[in-house]
Amino acid sequence: MVQQPPVRKTVPISTLRELLEQQRNGTLKRLRMNPYEVPKLHSNYLRHPLAEDLADDNIFISDDSIGLIKFHGGYQQDDRDQRVRGELKKYQFMLRMKMPAGECPAKVFQAIDDVSEMFGNHTLRLTSRSSFQIHGILKSNLKAVYQKIIHAGGGLYGASGDCSRNVSTCAAPFTSAPYRHARHTAKMLAEVLGLQSRAFAEIWLDGEKAATIETWKEDIDMDDVQRIIRHDNGRGAVLDDPVEPIYGHAYLPRKFKMGVTVPGDNSLDVYTHDVALVVMCDSDGNLEGYDVLVGGGMGRAHGKEETFARAADHFGYVPAHAVYDLVKAIAATQRDHGNREVRTNARMKYLVHRMGVDAFRDLVKTYMEDGGAALEPFRPLPPWRFSDWLGWHEDGSGTWFLGLYVQNGRLKGEYKRALRQVANQFGYTFVTTPQQNVLIAGVPTEKKRELESLLQSHGVELDAERLDPLMRNAMACPALPLCPPATTEAERVMPAYVQRVRQLMNKVGISDRESFVLRMTGCPNGCTRPYMAELGFVGSGPNCTYQLWLGVVRTRLV
């Protein structure tokens, strides 16, 4: 496990309630808050000035809107490969999908493939949080792209921003009870902590309803979701806010990442989340409750020792009936006590680290029903294991899923056309994985050979054992030329770096089948979780200058 940094003294910070009181009485000073907070407070629940910026003739949006559009699943970027000195930057937008449990039905894949070809850079990018990204969208085409995705049943609202982001799970679509409970919980969490403001429909759909409900909502009871959101136990988790009863109009201090898994399955790096839930079932497969971990996170900043990657702490066990009360309480604790003055220290991991997990638990319990009486000690778990789920696997119901390796998550060319043909011809659901790969789910036995033939006709490698295991286990973020924080390459140079590492291993007599986990990022934000790799390359300067991080064994984090 990542060694936890020593507890450091920090400057006192204002709570959200204090800041809002200062706003009401006119004493709020902009310098008391980091620059991302004031636009949220003044946005009328994520509307302004984004709506106005999207309507003007500029090819970019204002600084205040850059933070707001993230809540809507968008990022402003510019293509540094195309920059010309003295000319305006080559602005464009990346869109990130909201896909709880990583599920992408065929009709949604068809829509995002269409927009990537018509309006994007002709590629799709699988993310390390089990989602898709679409790159290269011009501002003038944003509304058309959003509408096509939304009307196909896709989601973008809450895929980014200072809120709960895409809820990831162990991706394997097994039909056994623990895996089914994990997927259902992920979808429920996505909505219980989902954004409630109507800003998304107003801006992108002119206030109209989507033609098709977001696909994962078909699998959960949305009336039950609204009941959970608005249930007020009188302890402060729910705010007196007519629009956002959990977030309020200030939302969270920083992004909030959740994951759900089953005992032993660490394919989603369970210790890297703000909140992770481990499904606990009885011998008959009935859901009993969840082990809970809190305070993980990868992001840090070079040269700032007060920032650091952190592995989550064991928080406790909660019975199934109290899980949403607990999750709301944890979110409210971060909402009210997270650092809104220094954004680099705004993630919940810093609050947990500063307080210590025991004091943090005591604070969370004050927001819970009956003072957190339902919380119990963390229950023992079996050793963690890692699997990328490549190749064929029977899902437990007589059908199969096929795991396909995607180098650094980039779908393009013949590979992308192959998956589009799978969607058109078979209509199978795709499941994206935290390892940036894709699974094709629900394949009948009699269709396996036909599917294999289609994929092979496009040159897709089906035999994972033929891959260099170093490359199979590696991940890299997109980095240059589009990602704004990136100072180095990552995705485009990773294959060459893997090859150099393999050559060094061969030179000292290590077998071609031996490997370890190697990950690369173009900046210290840690999107591919390099701090949890056995060898992590973290971009730190121009000319491909990297920090090296060594030694985490991720298959047995305990």
Protein backbone atom coordinates (compact mmCIF):
# COMPACT_ATOMS: atom_id res chain seq x y z
CA MET A 1 0.00 0.00 0.00
CA VAL A 2 1.12 3.57 -0.61
CA GLN A 3 2.87 4.82 2.53
CA GLN A 4 0.80 7.58 4.11
CA PRO A 5 2.58 10.94 4.50
CA PRO A 6 2.99 12.32 8.02
CA VAL A 7 0.18 14.51 9.29
CA ARG A 8 1.11 18.16 8.67
CA LYS A 9 -0.22 21.26 10.32
CA THR A 10 -2.44 23.22 7.96
CA VAL A 11 -3.78 26.74 8.05
CA PRO A 12 -7.33 27.04 9.43
CA ILE A 13 -9.97 26.93 6.72
CA SER A 14 -13.47 28.31 6.61
CA THR A 15 -16.34 25.84 6.48
CA LEU A 16 -18.93 26.10 3.76
CA ARG A 17 -21.49 27.44 6.22
CA GLU A 18 -19.12 30.24 7.26
CA LEU A 19 -18.40 31.16 3.65
CA LEU A 20 -22.09 31.24 2.75
CA GLU A 21 -22.82 33.43 5.76
CA GLN A 22 -20.08 35.81 4.63
CA GLN A 23 -21.71 35.88 1.20
CA ARG A 24 -25.11 36.70 2.68
CA ASN A 25 -23.85 39.56 4.86
CA GLY A 26 -21.59 41.01 2.17
CA THR A 27 -18.24 40.32 3.86
CA LEU A 28 -17.11 37.55 1.53
CA LYS A 29 -13.69 38.35 0.09
CA ARG A 30 -12.74 36.63 -3.15
CA LEU A 31 -9.26 35.89 -1.83
CA ARG A 32 -10.73 33.76 0.98
CA MET A 33 -11.79 31.20 -1.61
CA ASN A 34 -9.94 29.57 -4.45
CA PRO A 35 -10.88 30.92 -7.91
CA TYR A 36 -13.15 27.98 -8.72
CA GLU A 37 -15.54 28.57 -5.82
CA VAL A 38 -17.00 32.00 -6.60
CA PRO A 39 -18.23 31.09 -10.13
CA LYS A 40 -20.10 28.12 -8.67
CA LEU A 41 -21.80 30.32 -6.08
CA HIS A 42 -22.83 32.86 -8.70
CA SER A 43 -23.81 30.41 -11.45
CA ASN A 44 -27.47 29.91 -10.48
CA TYR A 45 -26.92 26.18 -10.23
CA LEU A 46 -24.49 25.71 -13.14
CA ARG A 47 -26.20 27.98 -15.68
CA HIS A 48 -24.30 31.27 -15.97
CA PRO A 49 -22.15 32.51 -17.62
CA LEU A 50 -21.95 29.16 -19.45
CA ALA A 51 -25.24 29.65 -21.31
CA GLU A 52 -24.13 33.09 -22.51
CA ASP A 53 -20.64 31.93 -23.48
CA LEU A 54 -22.03 29.11 -25.61
CA ALA A 55 -24.21 31.57 -27.52
CA ASP A 56 -21.46 33.99 -28.59
CA ASP A 57 -19.19 33.76 -31.66
CA ASN A 58 -15.95 33.03 -29.81
CA ILE A 59 -14.34 29.63 -30.28
CA PHE A 60 -13.66 29.44 -26.53
CA ILE A 61 -15.52 30.01 -23.26
CA SER A 62 -14.64 32.30 -20.35
CA ASP A 63 -12.53 31.29 -17.37
CA ASP A 64 -15.62 31.22 -15.13
CA SER A 65 -17.35 28.83 -17.53
CA ILE A 66 -14.39 26.45 -17.80
CA GLY A 67 -15.16 25.10 -14.33
CA LEU A 68 -18.91 25.04 -14.92
CA ILE A 69 -18.86 23.09 -18.19
CA LYS A 70 -17.04 20.27 -16.42
CA PHE A 71 -20.25 19.55 -14.48
CA HIS A 72 -21.87 19.13 -17.91
CA GLY A 73 -19.20 16.61 -18.96
CA GLY A 74 -17.07 19.00 -21.04
CA TYR A 75 -13.47 20.22 -20.96
CA GLN A 76 -12.02 23.08 -22.96
CA GLN A 77 -8.72 22.10 -24.54
CA ASP A 78 -6.45 23.31 -27.33
CA ASP A 79 -4.38 21.33 -29.78
CA ARG A 80 -0.78 22.21 -29.01
CA ASP A 81 0.41 20.34 -32.09
CA GLN A 82 -1.48 22.88 -34.20
CA ARG A 83 -0.48 26.05 -32.35
CA VAL A 84 1.05 28.86 -34.38
CA ARG A 85 2.98 31.60 -32.63
CA GLY A 86 1.02 34.82 -32.64
CA GLU A 87 -2.29 33.16 -33.50
CA LEU A 88 -5.25 32.22 -31.32
CA LYS A 89 -4.98 28.83 -29.66
CA LYS A 90 -6.67 25.94 -31.45
CA TYR A 91 -9.55 25.60 -29.00
CA GLN A 92 -11.75 22.52 -28.97
CA PHE A 93 -13.63 20.46 -26.41
CA MET A 94 -13.41 16.99 -24.94
CA LEU A 95 -16.63 15.36 -23.73
CA ARG A 96 -16.68 12.67 -21.07
CA MET A 97 -19.54 10.21 -20.72
CA LYS A 98 -21.32 9.36 -17.50
CA MET A 99 -21.57 5.56 -17.53
CA PRO A 100 -22.19 4.01 -14.08
CA ALA A 101 -20.68 0.52 -13.89
CA GLY A 102 -19.01 1.17 -17.27
CA GLU A 103 -21.98 -0.05 -19.29
CA CYS A 104 -22.45 1.28 -22.82
CA PRO A 105 -25.38 -0.21 -24.78
CA ALA A 106 -25.01 -0.56 -28.54
CA LYS A 107 -27.28 2.42 -29.31
CA VAL A 108 -25.16 4.71 -27.14
CA PHE A 109 -21.95 3.47 -28.72
CA GLN A 110 -23.41 4.10 -32.17
CA ALA A 111 -24.21 7.69 -31.16
CA ILE A 112 -20.77 8.50 -29.74
CA ASP A 113 -19.08 6.81 -32.69
CA ASP A 114 -21.17 8.95 -35.04
CA VAL A 115 -20.29 12.22 -33.32
CA SER A 116 -16.60 11.30 -33.11
CA GLU A 117 -16.61 10.89 -36.89
CA MET A 118 -18.83 13.86 -37.78
CA PHE A 119 -17.59 16.39 -35.24
CA GLY A 120 -14.54 14.95 -33.43
CA ASN A 121 -11.07 13.68 -34.22
CA HIS A 122 -12.33 10.23 -35.41
CA THR A 123 -11.22 8.44 -32.24
CA LEU A 124 -12.77 7.43 -28.92
CA ARG A 125 -10.85 7.20 -25.67
CA LEU A 126 -11.53 4.66 -22.93
CA THR A 127 -10.80 6.13 -19.50
CA SER A 128 -9.39 4.70 -16.29
CA ARG A 129 -12.78 5.28 -14.64
CA SER A 130 -14.72 3.05 -17.03
CA SER A 131 -16.04 5.67 -19.39
CA PHE A 132 -15.60 7.07 -22.92
CA GLN A 133 -14.14 10.41 -23.93
CA ILE A 134 -14.72 12.16 -27.27
CA HIS A 135 -12.02 14.60 -28.38
CA GLY A 136 -11.86 17.43 -30.90
CA ILE A 137 -15.38 18.93 -30.71
CA LEU A 138 -15.60 22.56 -31.81
CA LYS A 139 -17.67 24.91 -29.67
CA SER A 140 -20.09 25.58 -32.54
CA ASN A 141 -20.92 21.85 -32.69
CA LEU A 142 -21.30 21.18 -28.97
CA LYS A 143 -25.07 21.45 -28.81
CA ALA A 144 -25.59 19.08 -31.74
CA VAL A 145 -23.22 16.55 -30.18
CA TYR A 146 -24.86 16.74 -26.75
CA GLN A 147 -28.31 16.30 -28.23
CA LYS A 148 -27.38 13.24 -30.29
CA ILE A 149 -25.80 11.53 -27.28
CA ILE A 150 -28.64 12.42 -24.93
CA HIS A 151 -31.39 11.29 -27.29
CA ALA A 152 -29.63 7.93 -27.66
CA GLY A 153 -29.82 7.39 -23.89
CA GLY A 154 -26.28 8.47 -23.11
CA GLY A 155 -25.29 10.64 -20.17
CA LEU A 156 -22.79 13.45 -19.61
CA TYR A 157 -24.22 15.44 -16.67
CA GLY A 158 -22.03 14.89 -13.63
CA ALA A 159 -19.28 13.07 -15.52
CA SER A 160 -16.92 15.72 -14.20
CA GLY A 161 -16.94 18.81 -11.99
CA ASP A 162 -16.97 19.24 -8.22
CA CYS A 163 -19.50 16.48 -7.61
CA SER A 164 -19.71 12.71 -7.55
CA ARG A 165 -18.21 11.55 -10.85
CA ASN A 166 -18.66 8.32 -12.78
CA VAL A 167 -19.16 5.47 -10.30
CA SER A 168 -16.92 2.59 -11.32
CA THR A 169 -17.16 -1.10 -10.47
CA CYS A 170 -15.35 -4.34 -11.06
CA ALA A 171 -16.19 -4.50 -14.75
CA ALA A 172 -16.76 -8.23 -15.28
CA PRO A 173 -20.50 -8.67 -16.06
CA PHE A 174 -20.93 -11.84 -14.02
CA THR A 175 -24.50 -12.64 -13.07
CA SER A 176 -23.62 -13.94 -9.59
CA ALA A 177 -25.30 -12.09 -6.73
CA PRO A 178 -22.30 -10.06 -5.49
CA TYR A 179 -21.53 -8.70 -8.97
CA ARG A 180 -25.21 -7.90 -9.62
CA HIS A 181 -25.42 -6.06 -6.31
CA ALA A 182 -22.23 -4.13 -7.13
CA ARG A 183 -23.62 -2.92 -10.48
CA HIS A 184 -26.98 -1.98 -8.96
CA THR A 185 -25.31 -0.10 -6.12
CA ALA A 186 -23.10 1.81 -8.56
CA LYS A 187 -26.14 2.95 -10.53
CA MET A 188 -28.01 3.94 -7.37
CA LEU A 189 -25.03 5.91 -6.07
CA ALA A 190 -24.72 7.67 -9.42
CA GLU A 191 -28.25 9.03 -8.99
CA VAL A 192 -28.39 9.55 -5.21
CA LEU A 193 -25.40 11.87 -5.58
CA GLY A 194 -26.43 12.99 -9.04
CA LEU A 195 -26.90 16.65 -10.00
CA GLN A 196 -30.50 17.85 -9.57
CA SER A 197 -30.32 21.27 -11.28
CA ARG A 198 -32.26 21.60 -14.54
CA ALA A 199 -29.37 23.55 -16.05
CA PHE A 200 -28.31 20.65 -18.27
CA ALA A 201 -31.70 20.30 -20.01
CA GLU A 202 -32.09 24.06 -20.30
CA ILE A 203 -28.70 24.62 -21.92
CA TRP A 204 -28.41 21.59 -24.19
CA LEU A 205 -32.05 20.63 -24.85
CA ASP A 206 -33.69 24.06 -24.62
CA GLY A 207 -35.56 22.87 -21.55
CA GLU A 208 -37.14 19.86 -23.26
CA LYS A 209 -36.99 16.30 -21.94
CA ALA A 210 -34.63 13.82 -23.57
CA ALA A 211 -36.21 11.51 -26.11
CA THR A 212 -34.75 8.48 -24.29
CA ILE A 213 -34.08 7.97 -20.59
CA GLU A 214 -30.41 7.53 -19.64
CA THR A 215 -29.91 3.81 -20.03
CA TRP A 216 -28.79 2.90 -16.48
CA LYS A 217 -31.91 4.53 -14.99
CA GLU A 218 -33.96 1.73 -16.51
CA ASP A 219 -32.31 -0.64 -14.00
CA ILE A 220 -33.14 1.28 -10.81
CA ASP A 221 -36.21 2.75 -9.13
CA MET A 222 -35.95 6.50 -9.76
CA ASP A 223 -38.84 7.23 -7.36
CA ASP A 224 -36.84 5.48 -4.66
CA VAL A 225 -33.80 7.54 -5.65
CA GLN A 226 -35.72 10.80 -5.16
CA ARG A 227 -37.01 9.59 -1.81
CA ILE A 228 -33.45 8.83 -0.67
CA ILE A 229 -32.11 12.17 -1.90
CA ARG A 230 -34.76 14.23 -0.13
CA HIS A 231 -35.11 12.21 3.06
CA ASP A 232 -33.95 14.55 5.84
CA ASN A 233 -32.91 12.90 9.09
CA GLY A 234 -32.56 16.32 10.69
CA ARG A 235 -28.80 16.07 11.16
CA GLY A 236 -27.57 18.40 8.41
CA ALA A 237 -26.78 16.07 5.54
CA VAL A 238 -29.74 17.47 3.60
CA LEU A 239 -29.72 21.22 3.09
CA ASP A 240 -32.64 23.61 2.99
CA ASP A 241 -32.06 24.11 -0.72
CA PRO A 242 -34.89 23.94 -3.25
CA VAL A 243 -32.67 22.66 -6.09
CA GLU A 244 -29.68 20.73 -4.71
CA PRO A 245 -30.65 19.26 -1.32
CA ILE A 246 -27.34 17.41 -0.94
CA TYR A 247 -24.85 19.68 -2.72
CA GLY A 248 -26.34 23.14 -2.23
CA HIS A 249 -25.45 25.87 -4.70
CA ALA A 250 -21.73 25.66 -3.82
CA TYR A 251 -21.51 21.93 -4.67
CA LEU A 252 -18.40 20.12 -3.37
CA PRO A 253 -14.91 21.59 -2.89
CA ARG A 254 -13.45 19.18 -5.45
CA LYS A 255 -14.19 16.06 -7.45
CA PHE A 256 -15.56 13.05 -5.56
CA LYS A 257 -14.86 9.54 -6.84
CA MET A 258 -16.68 6.39 -5.77
CA GLY A 259 -16.21 2.75 -6.60
CA VAL A 260 -18.02 -0.50 -5.79
CA THR A 261 -16.50 -3.97 -5.85
CA VAL A 262 -16.86 -7.48 -4.45
CA PRO A 263 -14.56 -9.15 -1.93
CA GLY A 264 -11.22 -10.02 -3.51
CA ASP A 265 -11.73 -8.25 -6.86
CA ASN A 266 -9.33 -5.30 -7.04
CA SER A 267 -9.66 -4.67 -10.77
CA LEU A 268 -10.71 -1.06 -10.02
CA ASP A 269 -7.88 -0.13 -7.59
CA VAL A 270 -10.23 0.00 -4.62
CA TYR A 271 -7.86 2.01 -2.39
CA THR A 272 -7.72 4.98 -4.78
CA HIS A 273 -11.29 6.26 -4.28
CA ASP A 274 -12.77 8.95 -2.06
CA VAL A 275 -15.33 6.32 -1.07
CA ALA A 276 -15.22 2.63 -1.97
CA LEU A 277 -17.86 0.07 -1.07
CA VAL A 278 -17.26 -3.69 -0.92
CA VAL A 279 -20.45 -5.72 -1.34
CA MET A 280 -21.00 -8.27 1.45
CA CYS A 281 -23.53 -11.06 0.88
CA ASP A 282 -24.72 -14.03 2.93
CA SER A 283 -24.29 -17.63 1.75
CA ASP A 284 -27.52 -17.39 -0.27
CA GLY A 285 -26.38 -14.28 -2.14
CA ASN A 286 -28.59 -11.85 -0.23
CA LEU A 287 -27.06 -8.40 0.23
CA GLU A 288 -26.17 -7.86 3.88
CA GLY A 289 -24.10 -4.68 3.78
CA TYR A 290 -20.85 -3.08 2.73
CA ASP A 291 -17.32 -2.66 3.95
CA VAL A 292 -16.45 1.00 3.44
CA LEU A 293 -13.11 2.65 2.63
CA VAL A 294 -12.54 6.43 2.59
CA GLY A 295 -9.87 8.97 1.76
CA GLY A 296 -8.08 7.63 -1.30
CA GLY A 297 -6.91 9.79 -4.18
CA MET A 298 -4.08 10.07 -6.67
CA GLY A 299 -3.69 13.77 -7.53
CA ARG A 300 -0.77 15.83 -6.27
CA ALA A 301 1.30 18.81 -7.43
CA HIS A 302 5.03 18.95 -8.10
CA GLY A 303 6.98 20.99 -5.58
CA LYS A 304 4.12 21.14 -3.07
CA GLU A 305 4.77 18.72 -0.23
CA GLU A 306 1.34 19.44 1.23
CA THR A 307 -0.10 17.52 -1.73
CA PHE A 308 0.30 13.77 -2.04
CA ALA A 309 -1.20 10.54 -3.35
CA ARG A 310 -3.01 8.66 -0.63
CA ALA A 311 -4.41 5.16 -0.18
CA ALA A 312 -7.83 4.91 1.45
CA ASP A 313 -8.42 3.93 5.07
CA HIS A 314 -10.72 1.19 6.31
CA PHE A 315 -13.73 3.15 7.62
CA GLY A 316 -16.19 0.54 8.81
CA TYR A 317 -19.07 -1.72 7.87
CA VAL A 318 -22.62 -0.53 7.19
CA PRO A 319 -25.76 -2.68 6.84
CA ALA A 320 -27.48 -2.42 3.47
CA HIS A 321 -30.43 -0.43 4.83
CA ALA A 322 -28.13 2.38 6.03
CA VAL A 323 -25.71 2.66 3.09
CA TYR A 324 -27.28 5.72 1.44
CA ASP A 325 -27.62 7.50 4.77
CA LEU A 326 -23.87 6.91 5.21
CA VAL A 327 -22.90 8.02 1.70
CA LYS A 328 -24.96 11.20 2.05
CA ALA A 329 -23.28 11.84 5.39
CA ILE A 330 -19.79 11.39 3.94
CA ALA A 331 -20.58 13.73 1.04
CA ALA A 332 -22.03 16.29 3.46
CA THR A 333 -18.92 16.10 5.64
CA GLN A 334 -16.72 16.88 2.65
CA ARG A 335 -19.19 19.55 1.48
CA ASP A 336 -19.15 21.39 4.80
CA HIS A 337 -15.58 20.81 5.97
CA GLY A 338 -13.49 20.32 2.84
CA ASN A 339 -10.91 22.96 1.96
CA ARG A 340 -12.44 25.65 -0.26
CA GLU A 341 -9.54 28.07 0.09
CA VAL A 342 -6.68 26.02 -1.39
CA ARG A 343 -7.89 23.92 -4.31
CA THR A 344 -4.83 21.66 -4.34
CA ASN A 345 -5.89 20.55 -0.85
CA ALA A 346 -9.61 20.32 -1.58
CA ARG A 347 -9.98 16.55 -2.12
CA MET A 348 -11.55 14.60 0.72
CA LYS A 349 -8.34 12.65 1.25
CA TYR A 350 -6.78 15.77 2.81
CA LEU A 351 -9.69 16.17 5.22
CA VAL A 352 -9.40 12.51 6.25
CA HIS A 353 -5.63 12.81 6.54
CA ARG A 354 -5.71 16.05 8.53
CA MET A 355 -8.33 14.77 10.99
CA GLY A 356 -7.33 11.12 11.08
CA VAL A 357 -9.82 8.43 10.10
CA ASP A 358 -11.21 7.99 13.62
CA ALA A 359 -12.06 11.68 14.05
CA PHE A 360 -13.38 11.77 10.50
CA ARG A 361 -15.64 8.81 11.27
CA ASP A 362 -16.94 10.58 14.39
CA LEU A 363 -17.75 13.68 12.34
CA VAL A 364 -19.54 11.63 9.65
CA LYS A 365 -21.65 9.94 12.33
CA THR A 366 -23.01 13.30 13.46
CA TYR A 367 -24.73 13.57 10.05
CA MET A 368 -26.22 10.06 10.21
CA GLU A 369 -29.51 8.68 11.49
CA ASP A 370 -29.26 7.93 15.22
CA GLY A 371 -25.75 9.35 15.32
CA GLY A 372 -24.34 6.57 13.17
CA ALA A 373 -25.54 3.72 15.37
CA ALA A 374 -25.68 1.48 12.29
CA LEU A 375 -21.92 1.67 11.71
CA GLU A 376 -19.91 -1.39 12.70
CA PRO A 377 -16.19 -2.26 12.60
CA PHE A 378 -14.66 -3.10 9.21
CA ARG A 379 -15.10 -6.78 8.42
CA PRO A 380 -12.21 -9.01 7.33
CA LEU A 381 -11.77 -9.48 3.59
CA PRO A 382 -9.99 -12.12 1.51
CA PRO A 383 -6.73 -11.16 -0.21
CA TRP A 384 -7.17 -8.80 -3.13
CA ARG A 385 -6.48 -10.04 -6.65
CA PHE A 386 -6.27 -8.26 -9.99
CA SER A 387 -7.70 -9.40 -13.33
CA ASP A 388 -8.09 -7.52 -16.60
CA TRP A 389 -10.79 -9.99 -17.74
CA LEU A 390 -9.34 -10.32 -21.24
CA GLY A 391 -10.41 -13.29 -23.35
CA TRP A 392 -13.60 -15.38 -23.09
CA HIS A 393 -15.46 -15.81 -19.77
CA GLU A 394 -18.77 -17.49 -19.05
CA ASP A 395 -20.92 -14.99 -17.12
CA GLY A 396 -22.87 -17.48 -14.99
CA SER A 397 -26.09 -17.48 -17.00
CA GLY A 398 -25.01 -19.48 -20.04
CA THR A 399 -23.83 -16.51 -22.08
CA TRP A 400 -20.29 -15.17 -22.42
CA PHE A 401 -18.31 -11.97 -22.39
CA LEU A 402 -15.17 -11.30 -24.40
CA GLY A 403 -12.45 -9.00 -23.03
CA LEU A 404 -10.49 -7.07 -25.66
CA TYR A 405 -7.21 -5.28 -25.08
CA VAL A 406 -7.11 -1.63 -26.25
CA GLN A 407 -3.64 -0.09 -26.23
CA ASN A 408 -3.78 2.88 -23.84
CA GLY A 409 -7.54 2.98 -24.34
CA ARG A 410 -7.46 4.64 -27.79
CA LEU A 411 -10.07 3.34 -30.24
CA LYS A 412 -9.35 4.32 -33.82
CA GLY A 413 -9.19 3.04 -37.38
CA GLU A 414 -10.10 -0.57 -38.06
CA TYR A 415 -10.45 -1.40 -34.35
CA LYS A 416 -13.09 1.29 -33.90
CA ARG A 417 -14.86 0.20 -37.09
CA ALA A 418 -14.90 -3.37 -35.77
CA LEU A 419 -16.71 -2.36 -32.59
CA ARG A 420 -19.17 -0.28 -34.57
CA GLN A 421 -19.96 -3.32 -36.71
CA VAL A 422 -20.45 -5.39 -33.54
CA ALA A 423 -22.93 -2.78 -32.31
CA ASN A 424 -24.75 -2.70 -35.66
CA GLN A 425 -24.82 -6.44 -36.33
CA PHE A 426 -25.24 -7.93 -32.85
CA GLY A 427 -26.43 -5.10 -30.58
CA TYR A 428 -24.30 -6.33 -27.67
CA THR A 429 -23.58 -4.10 -24.68
CA PHE A 430 -20.00 -2.92 -24.23
CA VAL A 431 -18.53 -2.67 -20.74
CA THR A 432 -15.52 -0.41 -20.29
CA THR A 433 -12.95 -1.32 -17.66
CA PRO A 434 -10.75 0.63 -15.23
CA GLN A 435 -7.79 -0.78 -17.19
CA GLN A 436 -8.93 1.12 -20.34
CA ASN A 437 -10.07 -2.05 -22.10
CA VAL A 438 -13.51 -3.10 -23.36
CA LEU A 439 -15.68 -6.16 -22.74
CA ILE A 440 -18.39 -7.39 -25.12
CA ALA A 441 -21.18 -8.76 -22.94
CA GLY A 442 -24.11 -11.13 -23.41
CA VAL A 443 -22.73 -13.29 -26.22
CA PRO A 444 -24.63 -16.59 -26.76
CA THR A 445 -22.45 -19.68 -27.19
CA GLU A 446 -23.61 -20.16 -30.76
CA LYS A 447 -22.52 -16.62 -31.70
CA LYS A 448 -18.96 -16.79 -30.36
CA ARG A 449 -17.32 -17.94 -33.60
CA GLU A 450 -19.25 -15.41 -35.69
CA LEU A 451 -18.15 -12.59 -33.37
CA GLU A 452 -14.55 -13.77 -33.46
CA SER A 453 -14.58 -13.84 -37.26
CA LEU A 454 -15.90 -10.30 -37.46
CA LEU A 455 -13.25 -8.97 -35.08
CA GLN A 456 -10.41 -10.88 -36.75
CA SER A 457 -11.45 -9.54 -40.16
CA HIS A 458 -10.60 -6.08 -38.80
CA GLY A 459 -7.28 -7.21 -37.32
CA VAL A 460 -8.39 -7.21 -33.67
CA GLU A 461 -6.17 -9.43 -31.51
CA LEU A 462 -8.31 -11.92 -29.57
CA ASP A 463 -5.60 -13.94 -27.81
CA ALA A 464 -4.42 -11.90 -24.83
CA GLU A 465 -1.61 -14.37 -24.24
CA ARG A 466 0.07 -13.18 -27.44
CA LEU A 467 0.44 -9.66 -26.00
CA ASP A 468 3.62 -8.58 -24.26
CA PRO A 469 2.47 -8.75 -20.63
CA LEU A 470 4.32 -5.48 -19.91
CA MET A 471 2.12 -3.69 -22.45
CA ARG A 472 -0.97 -5.61 -21.39
CA ASN A 473 -0.58 -4.35 -17.82
CA ALA A 474 0.43 -0.79 -18.77
CA MET A 475 -1.69 2.36 -18.89
CA ALA A 476 -1.05 5.90 -20.06
CA CYS A 477 -3.18 9.04 -20.02
CA PRO A 478 -3.86 11.11 -23.20
CA ALA A 479 -1.49 13.92 -22.12
CA LEU A 480 -0.10 15.97 -25.04
CA PRO A 481 -1.26 17.54 -27.24
CA LEU A 482 -4.74 18.16 -25.81
CA CYS A 483 -4.77 17.87 -22.02
CA PRO A 484 -4.10 21.33 -20.48
CA PRO A 485 -2.10 20.20 -17.39
CA ALA A 486 0.20 17.89 -19.38
CA THR A 487 3.86 18.88 -19.61
CA THR A 488 5.06 15.65 -21.23
CA GLU A 489 3.89 12.94 -23.59
CA ALA A 490 2.26 9.79 -22.23
CA GLU A 491 -0.10 7.85 -24.53
CA ARG A 492 1.93 8.51 -27.68
CA VAL A 493 5.29 7.43 -26.19
CA MET A 494 4.19 4.65 -23.84
CA PRO A 495 4.70 1.79 -26.36
CA ALA A 496 8.29 2.91 -26.94
CA TYR A 497 8.97 3.12 -23.21
CA VAL A 498 7.52 -0.34 -22.66
CA GLN A 499 9.75 -1.65 -25.43
CA ARG A 500 12.82 -0.04 -23.81
CA VAL A 501 11.95 -1.59 -20.44
CA ARG A 502 11.50 -4.99 -22.11
CA GLN A 503 14.90 -4.66 -23.80
CA LEU A 504 16.53 -3.91 -20.45
CA MET A 505 14.82 -6.92 -18.89
CA ASN A 506 16.00 -9.15 -21.73
CA LYS A 507 19.51 -7.81 -21.35
CA VAL A 508 19.70 -9.10 -17.77
CA GLY A 509 18.10 -12.43 -18.65
CA ILE A 510 14.49 -11.88 -17.51
CA SER A 511 11.91 -13.87 -19.46
CA ASP A 512 9.61 -12.22 -21.99
CA ARG A 513 6.64 -13.53 -19.99
CA GLU A 514 7.68 -11.76 -16.80
CA SER A 515 6.08 -8.37 -16.19
CA PHE A 516 5.04 -5.76 -13.67
CA VAL A 517 2.56 -2.88 -13.60
CA LEU A 518 3.85 0.18 -15.48
CA ARG A 519 1.84 3.40 -15.82
CA MET A 520 2.50 6.86 -17.22
CA THR A 521 0.93 10.31 -16.93
CA GLY A 522 1.82 13.64 -18.49
CA CYS A 523 1.35 15.55 -15.22
CA PRO A 524 1.10 14.77 -11.48
CA ASN A 525 -2.72 14.56 -11.43
CA GLY A 526 -2.48 10.78 -11.60
CA CYS A 527 -5.33 9.91 -13.97
CA THR A 528 -3.96 6.44 -14.72
CA ARG A 529 -3.12 5.87 -11.04
CA PRO A 530 0.69 5.80 -11.51
CA TYR A 531 1.28 6.05 -7.77
CA MET A 532 -0.33 2.63 -7.38
CA ALA A 533 1.86 1.04 -10.05
CA GLU A 534 5.06 -0.89 -9.52
CA LEU A 535 6.77 1.55 -11.91
CA GLY A 536 5.12 4.91 -12.45
CA PHE A 537 6.29 7.62 -14.88
CA VAL A 538 4.89 11.01 -13.85
CA GLY A 539 5.49 13.92 -16.21
CA SER A 540 7.37 16.75 -14.56
CA GLY A 541 8.78 18.95 -17.31
CA PRO A 542 9.49 19.51 -21.00
CA ASN A 543 11.43 17.13 -23.23
CA CYS A 544 9.82 14.07 -21.62
CA THR A 545 11.16 14.60 -18.12
CA TYR A 546 9.50 12.22 -15.66
CA GLN A 547 9.54 11.40 -11.99
CA LEU A 548 9.85 7.66 -11.31
CA TRP A 549 7.66 6.12 -8.63
CA LEU A 550 8.55 2.58 -7.58
CA GLY A 551 7.30 -0.35 -5.62
CA VAL A 552 3.54 -0.58 -5.07
CA VAL A 553 2.25 -4.16 -5.23
CA ARG A 554 -1.36 -3.69 -6.23
CA THR A 555 -2.54 -7.29 -6.30
CA ARG A 556 -2.45 -7.63 -2.50
CA LEU A 557 -3.32 -4.31 -0.98
CA VAL A 558 -4.36 -4.99 2.60
